[in-house]
Structures are given as structure tokens and as C-alpha cells.
Amino acid sequence: MELTHIEHIGIAVKNLDESIKYYEEILGLKCYAIEEVKDQKVKTAFFKIGQTKIELLESTDPDGPIGKYIEKKGEGIHHIAFHVNGISNALKEVSDKGIKLIDTKPRRGAEGLDIAFLHPKSTGGVLTELCEEKK
């Protein structure tokens, strides 16, 4: 598997607008995109620092993955995403090595990326996302 860089760090938030203010007004970053990913029941906001992005995630449905996460664990770091070349091959490779997959095949994520998640029970408690530009 060829990881090229940390694509983004996902942070679960209760209120996207309030969180954007913190990143812009206090940290001085600029939100460059806001997007809703309906099938994941989430609204996202993106910031870039160096080559890495920060993705804020606000649930659009309390029963969605982010809504359930915040209810159980509160706001905070939700996942780390790595850019990979050949996401389908990477999923097969990690599965063959005994890693439990949440997604057995890539799906569409924010910013048009192909994404897939590895289960935190197999990754030392860290929800891990693999990302690749859609081909």
C-alpha cells in the first residue's frame, strides 16, 4: 500500500458555524469549502494548513454516524484520513492482513474523493479513512 500523505483530520462538531468561527477568527485559517454528504448524513467544512486539511463534521441527522459519535463521545477528533494510490488494492491488502473493514469497497466522500474506512477495533482505536481522487 502506498500512502502519500495525511489527507485530512476529521473533527466532529455540534455546530458547524460556531466551529468555523473558531478556526477562522482564532486560528486564522480560511474555510474554503462547505459541503453536505447526504448519504453520510453530514455537513462538512474544510480548512487547509500546509498539505493537510481539517474537515469539520456536523451531523444532519442525530441517527447518522456523526450524531451517534457525538452523543457517545462528544465533540473532538473523529478520524484520520490518509491519501492512498490504488484504494481498492489497499483495501484488499489490509483485509488480507486481518484488518476489519467498515467499507469493503470505496464510496463517494466529500470533495469527490473515493473513500473507505477501516474499523477502529483493528487499528488501535483510531478510525482510519483511506482516500483517493476519483478516477
Protein backbone atom coordinates (compact mmCIF):
# COMPACT_ATOMS: atom_id res chain seq x y z
CA MET A 1 0.00 0.00 0.00
CA GLU A 2 1.33 3.41 -0.93
CA LEU A 3 0.26 6.20 1.44
CA THR A 4 1.33 9.60 0.13
CA HIS A 5 0.26 12.00 2.90
CA ILE A 6 -2.27 12.75 5.60
CA GLU A 7 -5.26 13.87 3.54
CA HIS A 8 -7.22 15.30 6.44
CA ILE A 9 -8.13 15.07 10.09
CA GLY A 10 -11.88 14.76 10.70
CA ILE A 11 -13.31 16.58 13.73
CA ALA A 12 -16.88 16.00 14.91
CA VAL A 13 -18.65 19.23 15.93
CA LYS A 14 -22.12 20.07 17.20
CA ASN A 15 -22.38 23.40 15.38
CA LEU A 16 -20.52 23.94 12.13
CA ASP A 17 -21.00 27.73 12.05
CA GLU A 18 -19.62 28.21 15.57
CA SER A 19 -16.71 25.89 14.88
CA ILE A 20 -15.85 27.66 11.62
CA LYS A 21 -15.62 30.94 13.57
CA TYR A 22 -13.01 29.40 15.91
CA TYR A 23 -10.83 28.14 13.06
CA GLU A 24 -11.11 31.42 11.14
CA GLU A 25 -11.15 34.08 13.87
CA ILE A 26 -8.85 32.48 16.43
CA LEU A 27 -6.54 30.25 14.38
CA GLY A 28 -6.57 32.43 11.25
CA LEU A 29 -7.40 29.62 8.83
CA LYS A 30 -9.81 30.11 5.92
CA CYS A 31 -12.77 27.82 5.30
CA TYR A 32 -12.55 27.09 1.59
CA ALA A 33 -15.48 24.70 1.15
CA ILE A 34 -18.71 23.64 2.82
CA GLU A 35 -20.44 20.54 1.51
CA GLU A 36 -23.25 18.22 2.53
CA VAL A 37 -22.75 14.49 2.01
CA LYS A 38 -26.35 13.31 2.21
CA ASP A 39 -25.75 9.56 2.29
CA GLN A 40 -23.43 10.02 5.29
CA LYS A 41 -25.87 12.45 6.99
CA VAL A 42 -23.16 15.04 7.47
CA LYS A 43 -22.29 18.60 6.55
CA THR A 44 -18.57 19.33 6.21
CA ALA A 45 -16.34 22.39 6.25
CA PHE A 46 -12.74 22.29 5.06
CA PHE A 47 -9.62 24.22 6.01
CA LYS A 48 -6.11 23.70 4.69
CA ILE A 49 -2.85 24.09 6.56
CA GLY A 50 0.21 23.11 4.57
CA GLN A 51 -0.66 19.98 2.61
CA THR A 52 -3.11 18.75 5.27
CA LYS A 53 -6.79 19.54 5.53
CA ILE A 54 -9.01 19.78 8.58
CA GLU A 55 -12.54 18.56 7.98
CA LEU A 56 -15.23 19.67 10.42
CA LEU A 57 -18.19 17.30 10.52
CA GLU A 58 -21.67 18.33 11.69
CA SER A 59 -24.42 15.71 11.74
CA THR A 60 -27.54 16.46 9.71
CA ASP A 61 -29.39 13.64 11.48
CA PRO A 62 -28.99 12.57 15.13
CA ASP A 63 -29.12 8.94 13.96
CA GLY A 64 -26.28 9.47 11.48
CA PRO A 65 -22.72 8.33 12.20
CA ILE A 66 -21.52 11.74 13.44
CA GLY A 67 -24.67 12.32 15.50
CA LYS A 68 -24.20 8.96 17.22
CA TYR A 69 -20.48 9.63 17.71
CA ILE A 70 -21.09 12.99 19.39
CA GLU A 71 -23.81 11.51 21.59
CA LYS A 72 -21.46 8.76 22.75
CA LYS A 73 -18.07 10.54 22.86
CA GLY A 74 -18.73 14.25 22.46
CA GLU A 75 -17.06 16.64 20.07
CA GLY A 76 -13.48 16.07 19.02
CA ILE A 77 -11.20 14.19 16.68
CA HIS A 78 -13.25 11.63 14.81
CA HIS A 79 -10.81 10.14 12.27
CA ILE A 80 -7.55 10.48 10.41
CA ALA A 81 -7.53 10.12 6.65
CA PHE A 82 -4.59 9.05 4.52
CA HIS A 83 -4.30 9.58 0.79
CA VAL A 84 -3.52 6.32 -0.95
CA ASN A 85 -2.71 5.40 -4.53
CA GLY A 86 -4.94 2.45 -5.51
CA ILE A 87 -7.65 2.44 -2.84
CA SER A 88 -9.24 -0.85 -3.96
CA ASN A 89 -5.90 -2.64 -3.82
CA ALA A 90 -5.15 -1.03 -0.44
CA LEU A 91 -8.45 -2.33 0.98
CA LYS A 92 -7.65 -5.84 -0.22
CA GLU A 93 -4.13 -5.63 1.20
CA VAL A 94 -5.20 -4.51 4.68
CA SER A 95 -8.07 -7.01 4.72
CA ASP A 96 -5.66 -9.80 3.80
CA LYS A 97 -3.55 -8.71 6.80
CA GLY A 98 -6.53 -9.15 9.13
CA ILE A 99 -7.79 -5.56 9.39
CA LYS A 100 -11.57 -5.32 9.75
CA LEU A 101 -13.11 -3.07 7.11
CA ILE A 102 -16.12 -0.80 7.53
CA ASP A 103 -16.19 -0.31 3.75
CA THR A 104 -15.27 -3.30 1.60
CA LYS A 105 -15.24 -1.11 -1.50
CA PRO A 106 -14.70 2.63 -1.99
CA ARG A 107 -17.63 5.05 -1.90
CA ARG A 108 -18.01 8.73 -2.68
CA GLY A 109 -16.97 11.14 0.04
CA ALA A 110 -16.67 14.90 0.38
CA GLU A 111 -14.71 16.78 -2.26
CA GLY A 112 -15.47 13.98 -4.73
CA LEU A 113 -12.90 11.62 -3.21
CA ASP A 114 -13.25 7.85 -3.18
CA ILE A 115 -13.13 6.87 0.50
CA ALA A 116 -13.21 3.78 2.68
CA PHE A 117 -12.96 3.34 6.45
CA LEU A 118 -11.02 0.77 8.47
CA HIS A 119 -12.63 -0.34 11.73
CA PRO A 120 -11.06 1.16 14.87
CA LYS A 121 -11.19 -2.23 16.60
CA SER A 122 -8.46 -3.30 14.16
CA THR A 123 -6.45 -0.07 14.12
CA GLY A 124 -5.58 0.60 17.74
CA GLY A 125 -8.78 2.52 18.40
CA VAL A 126 -8.27 5.08 15.62
CA LEU A 127 -10.96 5.32 12.94
CA THR A 128 -8.86 5.35 9.77
CA GLU A 129 -10.03 6.57 6.39
CA LEU A 130 -8.31 5.87 3.09
CA CYS A 131 -8.89 8.44 0.31
CA GLU A 132 -8.09 8.68 -3.37
CA GLU A 133 -9.04 11.16 -6.08
CA LYS A 134 -11.93 9.73 -8.06
CA LYS A 135 -10.79 8.35 -11.37
